[in-house]
Amino acid sequence: MPQHWLVKQEPSKYPFSQLQKDETTRWDGVRNYQARNNLRAMKKGDAVLYYHSVEGKAVVGLCEVVREAYCDPTAEEGDWSVVDLKAVRPFTTPVSLEQIKATPALKNIALLKQSRLSVLPLAPAEFAAIVRMGH
């Protein structure tokens, strides 16, 4: 059964629109052990929400895992991993952090509980709720 995830990126560094142009990207540069372990748990075909952090603070699109974890070629030292993501589609309406906070079904979402983590697991119901909100 596919799992569900959320990845965070500053839109000034790599906006979802750039992923759409590129079609796929290597999700590299993660230097947090819990986020790395989440990357390693991702499987090909898993669904991923794309969240713009710092500016915008909203889920803006949907992507999917197209290559499972492998060694991060940008890591100069340490045991870090990457996955490859493919853009699926942008949301018609971005789902803001404020909307997520105001939705009772999302009160326990990892985005609110571990706000500094860049790669987060989502429960199927949490994922579905956000997709419905963003169309």
C-alpha atoms as a PDB file:
ATOM      1  CA  MET A   1       0.000   0.000   0.000  1.00  0.00           C
ATOM      2  CA  PRO A   2       1.447   3.399  -0.948  1.00  0.00           C
ATOM      3  CA  GLN A   3       2.465   5.734   1.823  1.00  0.00           C
ATOM      4  CA  HIS A   4       1.913   9.474   1.979  1.00  0.00           C
ATOM      5  CA  TRP A   5       4.466  12.191   2.621  1.00  0.00           C
ATOM      6  CA  LEU A   6       5.000  15.931   2.717  1.00  0.00           C
ATOM      7  CA  VAL A   7       8.239  17.630   1.654  1.00  0.00           C
ATOM      8  CA  LYS A   8       9.084  21.237   2.418  1.00  0.00           C
ATOM      9  CA  GLN A   9      11.091  23.649   0.311  1.00  0.00           C
ATOM     10  CA  GLU A  10      11.541  27.387   0.213  1.00  0.00           C
ATOM     11  CA  PRO A  11       9.978  28.659  -3.027  1.00  0.00           C
ATOM     12  CA  SER A  12      12.910  31.048  -3.508  1.00  0.00           C
ATOM     13  CA  LYS A  13      15.219  27.999  -3.697  1.00  0.00           C
ATOM     14  CA  TYR A  14      13.128  25.496  -5.661  1.00  0.00           C
ATOM     15  CA  PRO A  15       9.447  26.306  -6.252  1.00  0.00           C
ATOM     16  CA  PHE A  16       6.948  23.669  -7.335  1.00  0.00           C
ATOM     17  CA  SER A  17       6.702  25.452 -10.700  1.00  0.00           C
ATOM     18  CA  GLN A  18      10.377  24.606 -11.291  1.00  0.00           C
ATOM     19  CA  LEU A  19       9.732  20.943 -10.485  1.00  0.00           C
ATOM     20  CA  GLN A  20       6.945  21.025 -13.060  1.00  0.00           C
ATOM     21  CA  LYS A  21       9.359  22.408 -15.667  1.00  0.00           C
ATOM     22  CA  ASP A  22      12.051  19.900 -14.713  1.00  0.00           C
ATOM     23  CA  GLU A  23       9.434  17.088 -14.475  1.00  0.00           C
ATOM     24  CA  THR A  24      11.636  15.182 -11.996  1.00  0.00           C
ATOM     25  CA  THR A  25      14.211  16.166  -9.410  1.00  0.00           C
ATOM     26  CA  ARG A  26      16.603  14.602  -6.959  1.00  0.00           C
ATOM     27  CA  TRP A  27      15.495  15.561  -3.420  1.00  0.00           C
ATOM     28  CA  ASP A  28      18.946  16.235  -1.978  1.00  0.00           C
ATOM     29  CA  GLY A  29      20.565  18.267   0.746  1.00  0.00           C
ATOM     30  CA  VAL A  30      18.592  16.777   3.651  1.00  0.00           C
ATOM     31  CA  ARG A  31      20.830  16.886   6.730  1.00  0.00           C
ATOM     32  CA  ASN A  32      18.484  15.821   9.511  1.00  0.00           C
ATOM     33  CA  TYR A  33      18.513  12.184  10.618  1.00  0.00           C
ATOM     34  CA  GLN A  34      14.755  11.851  11.053  1.00  0.00           C
ATOM     35  CA  ALA A  35      14.101  13.444   7.632  1.00  0.00           C
ATOM     36  CA  ARG A  36      16.774  11.166   6.113  1.00  0.00           C
ATOM     37  CA  ASN A  37      15.085   8.125   7.640  1.00  0.00           C
ATOM     38  CA  ASN A  38      11.771   9.296   6.187  1.00  0.00           C
ATOM     39  CA  LEU A  39      13.413   9.562   2.755  1.00  0.00           C
ATOM     40  CA  ARG A  40      14.712   6.023   3.174  1.00  0.00           C
ATOM     41  CA  ALA A  41      11.195   4.801   4.002  1.00  0.00           C
ATOM     42  CA  MET A  42       9.746   6.243   0.769  1.00  0.00           C
ATOM     43  CA  LYS A  43       8.818   3.726  -1.918  1.00  0.00           C
ATOM     44  CA  LYS A  44       8.371   4.152  -5.650  1.00  0.00           C
ATOM     45  CA  GLY A  45       4.794   5.279  -6.281  1.00  0.00           C
ATOM     46  CA  ASP A  46       4.306   6.929  -2.872  1.00  0.00           C
ATOM     47  CA  ALA A  47       2.346  10.188  -3.043  1.00  0.00           C
ATOM     48  CA  VAL A  48       4.022  13.378  -1.817  1.00  0.00           C
ATOM     49  CA  LEU A  49       2.613  16.813  -1.040  1.00  0.00           C
ATOM     50  CA  TYR A  50       4.878  19.764  -1.892  1.00  0.00           C
ATOM     51  CA  TYR A  51       4.897  22.508   0.740  1.00  0.00           C
ATOM     52  CA  HIS A  52       6.352  25.966   0.207  1.00  0.00           C
ATOM     53  CA  SER A  53       8.022  26.940   3.488  1.00  0.00           C
ATOM     54  CA  VAL A  54       9.202  30.321   4.809  1.00  0.00           C
ATOM     55  CA  GLU A  55       7.428  32.310   2.038  1.00  0.00           C
ATOM     56  CA  GLY A  56       3.863  31.367   1.219  1.00  0.00           C
ATOM     57  CA  LYS A  57       3.593  28.573   3.798  1.00  0.00           C
ATOM     58  CA  ALA A  58       1.196  26.418   1.808  1.00  0.00           C
ATOM     59  CA  VAL A  59       0.863  23.028   0.185  1.00  0.00           C
ATOM     60  CA  VAL A  60       0.993  23.863  -3.509  1.00  0.00           C
ATOM     61  CA  GLY A  61       1.209  20.603  -5.409  1.00  0.00           C
ATOM     62  CA  LEU A  62       1.339  16.872  -5.658  1.00  0.00           C
ATOM     63  CA  CYS A  63       4.290  14.747  -6.691  1.00  0.00           C
ATOM     64  CA  GLU A  64       5.312  11.113  -6.483  1.00  0.00           C
ATOM     65  CA  VAL A  65       8.390   9.083  -5.666  1.00  0.00           C
ATOM     66  CA  VAL A  66       9.925   7.716  -8.879  1.00  0.00           C
ATOM     67  CA  ARG A  67      13.227   6.427  -7.456  1.00  0.00           C
ATOM     68  CA  GLU A  68      13.768   5.082  -3.977  1.00  0.00           C
ATOM     69  CA  ALA A  69      16.530   6.198  -1.632  1.00  0.00           C
ATOM     70  CA  TYR A  70      20.133   6.229  -2.800  1.00  0.00           C
ATOM     71  CA  CYS A  71      23.324   7.911  -1.612  1.00  0.00           C
ATOM     72  CA  ASP A  72      23.195  11.733  -1.702  1.00  0.00           C
ATOM     73  CA  PRO A  73      25.899  12.818  -4.181  1.00  0.00           C
ATOM     74  CA  THR A  74      25.959  16.317  -2.617  1.00  0.00           C
ATOM     75  CA  ALA A  75      27.040  14.988   0.804  1.00  0.00           C
ATOM     76  CA  GLU A  76      30.703  15.654   1.503  1.00  0.00           C
ATOM     77  CA  GLU A  77      30.607  13.509   4.610  1.00  0.00           C
ATOM     78  CA  GLY A  78      28.127  11.353   6.480  1.00  0.00           C
ATOM     79  CA  ASP A  79      25.505   8.827   5.455  1.00  0.00           C
ATOM     80  CA  TRP A  80      22.805  10.847   3.670  1.00  0.00           C
ATOM     81  CA  SER A  81      20.147   9.789   1.191  1.00  0.00           C
ATOM     82  CA  VAL A  82      18.019  11.220  -1.605  1.00  0.00           C
ATOM     83  CA  VAL A  83      14.964  10.141  -3.573  1.00  0.00           C
ATOM     84  CA  ASP A  84      13.774  11.255  -6.992  1.00  0.00           C
ATOM     85  CA  LEU A  85      10.406  13.003  -7.213  1.00  0.00           C
ATOM     86  CA  LYS A  86       8.190  13.632 -10.216  1.00  0.00           C
ATOM     87  CA  ALA A  87       5.659  16.464 -10.435  1.00  0.00           C
ATOM     88  CA  VAL A  88       2.090  15.212 -10.769  1.00  0.00           C
ATOM     89  CA  ARG A  89       0.064  18.438 -10.678  1.00  0.00           C
ATOM     90  CA  PRO A  90      -0.206  21.795  -8.946  1.00  0.00           C
ATOM     91  CA  PHE A  91      -3.101  22.455  -6.607  1.00  0.00           C
ATOM     92  CA  THR A  92      -5.840  24.681  -7.996  1.00  0.00           C
ATOM     93  CA  THR A  93      -5.913  26.378  -4.605  1.00  0.00           C
ATOM     94  CA  PRO A  94      -2.835  26.303  -2.361  1.00  0.00           C
ATOM     95  CA  VAL A  95      -3.644  24.997   1.126  1.00  0.00           C
ATOM     96  CA  SER A  96      -2.228  27.464   3.626  1.00  0.00           C
ATOM     97  CA  LEU A  97      -0.700  26.643   6.970  1.00  0.00           C
ATOM     98  CA  GLU A  98      -3.536  28.643   8.543  1.00  0.00           C
ATOM     99  CA  GLN A  99      -6.129  26.414   6.826  1.00  0.00           C
ATOM    100  CA  ILE A 100      -4.296  23.304   8.015  1.00  0.00           C
ATOM    101  CA  LYS A 101      -4.194  24.643  11.590  1.00  0.00           C
ATOM    102  CA  ALA A 102      -7.926  25.454  11.412  1.00  0.00           C
ATOM    103  CA  THR A 103      -8.944  21.971  10.212  1.00  0.00           C
ATOM    104  CA  PRO A 104      -9.791  19.653  13.140  1.00  0.00           C
ATOM    105  CA  ALA A 105      -8.952  16.519  11.146  1.00  0.00           C
ATOM    106  CA  LEU A 106      -5.383  17.845  10.756  1.00  0.00           C
ATOM    107  CA  LYS A 107      -4.727  18.791  14.395  1.00  0.00           C
ATOM    108  CA  ASN A 108      -2.152  15.988  14.826  1.00  0.00           C
ATOM    109  CA  ILE A 109      -0.416  16.368  11.464  1.00  0.00           C
ATOM    110  CA  ALA A 110       3.382  16.149  11.676  1.00  0.00           C
ATOM    111  CA  LEU A 111       3.660  19.542   9.937  1.00  0.00           C
ATOM    112  CA  LEU A 112       2.277  21.135  13.110  1.00  0.00           C
ATOM    113  CA  LYS A 113       3.961  18.819  15.622  1.00  0.00           C
ATOM    114  CA  GLN A 114       7.453  18.807  14.034  1.00  0.00           C
ATOM    115  CA  SER A 115       7.460  22.080  12.156  1.00  0.00           C
ATOM    116  CA  ARG A 116      11.213  22.118  11.456  1.00  0.00           C
ATOM    117  CA  LEU A 117      11.303  18.675   9.827  1.00  0.00           C
ATOM    118  CA  SER A 118      11.605  18.860   6.010  1.00  0.00           C
ATOM    119  CA  VAL A 119      10.317  15.367   5.115  1.00  0.00           C
ATOM    120  CA  LEU A 120       7.226  14.215   7.004  1.00  0.00           C
ATOM    121  CA  PRO A 121       4.951  11.170   6.928  1.00  0.00           C
ATOM    122  CA  LEU A 122       1.206  11.738   6.619  1.00  0.00           C
ATOM    123  CA  ALA A 123      -1.679   9.494   7.563  1.00  0.00           C
ATOM    124  CA  PRO A 124      -3.895   8.588   4.578  1.00  0.00           C
ATOM    125  CA  ALA A 125      -6.784  10.658   6.002  1.00  0.00           C
ATOM    126  CA  GLU A 126      -4.527  13.706   6.485  1.00  0.00           C
ATOM    127  CA  PHE A 127      -3.234  13.407   2.942  1.00  0.00           C
ATOM    128  CA  ALA A 128      -6.760  13.044   1.535  1.00  0.00           C
ATOM    129  CA  ALA A 129      -8.048  16.030   3.491  1.00  0.00           C
ATOM    130  CA  ILE A 130      -5.308  18.302   2.145  1.00  0.00           C
ATOM    131  CA  VAL A 131      -5.778  17.064  -1.436  1.00  0.00           C
ATOM    132  CA  ARG A 132      -9.539  17.780  -1.172  1.00  0.00           C
ATOM    133  CA  MET A 133      -8.813  21.288   0.113  1.00  0.00           C
ATOM    134  CA  GLY A 134      -6.361  21.993  -2.726  1.00  0.00           C
ATOM    135  CA  HIS A 135      -8.321  20.212  -5.486  1.00  0.00           C
END
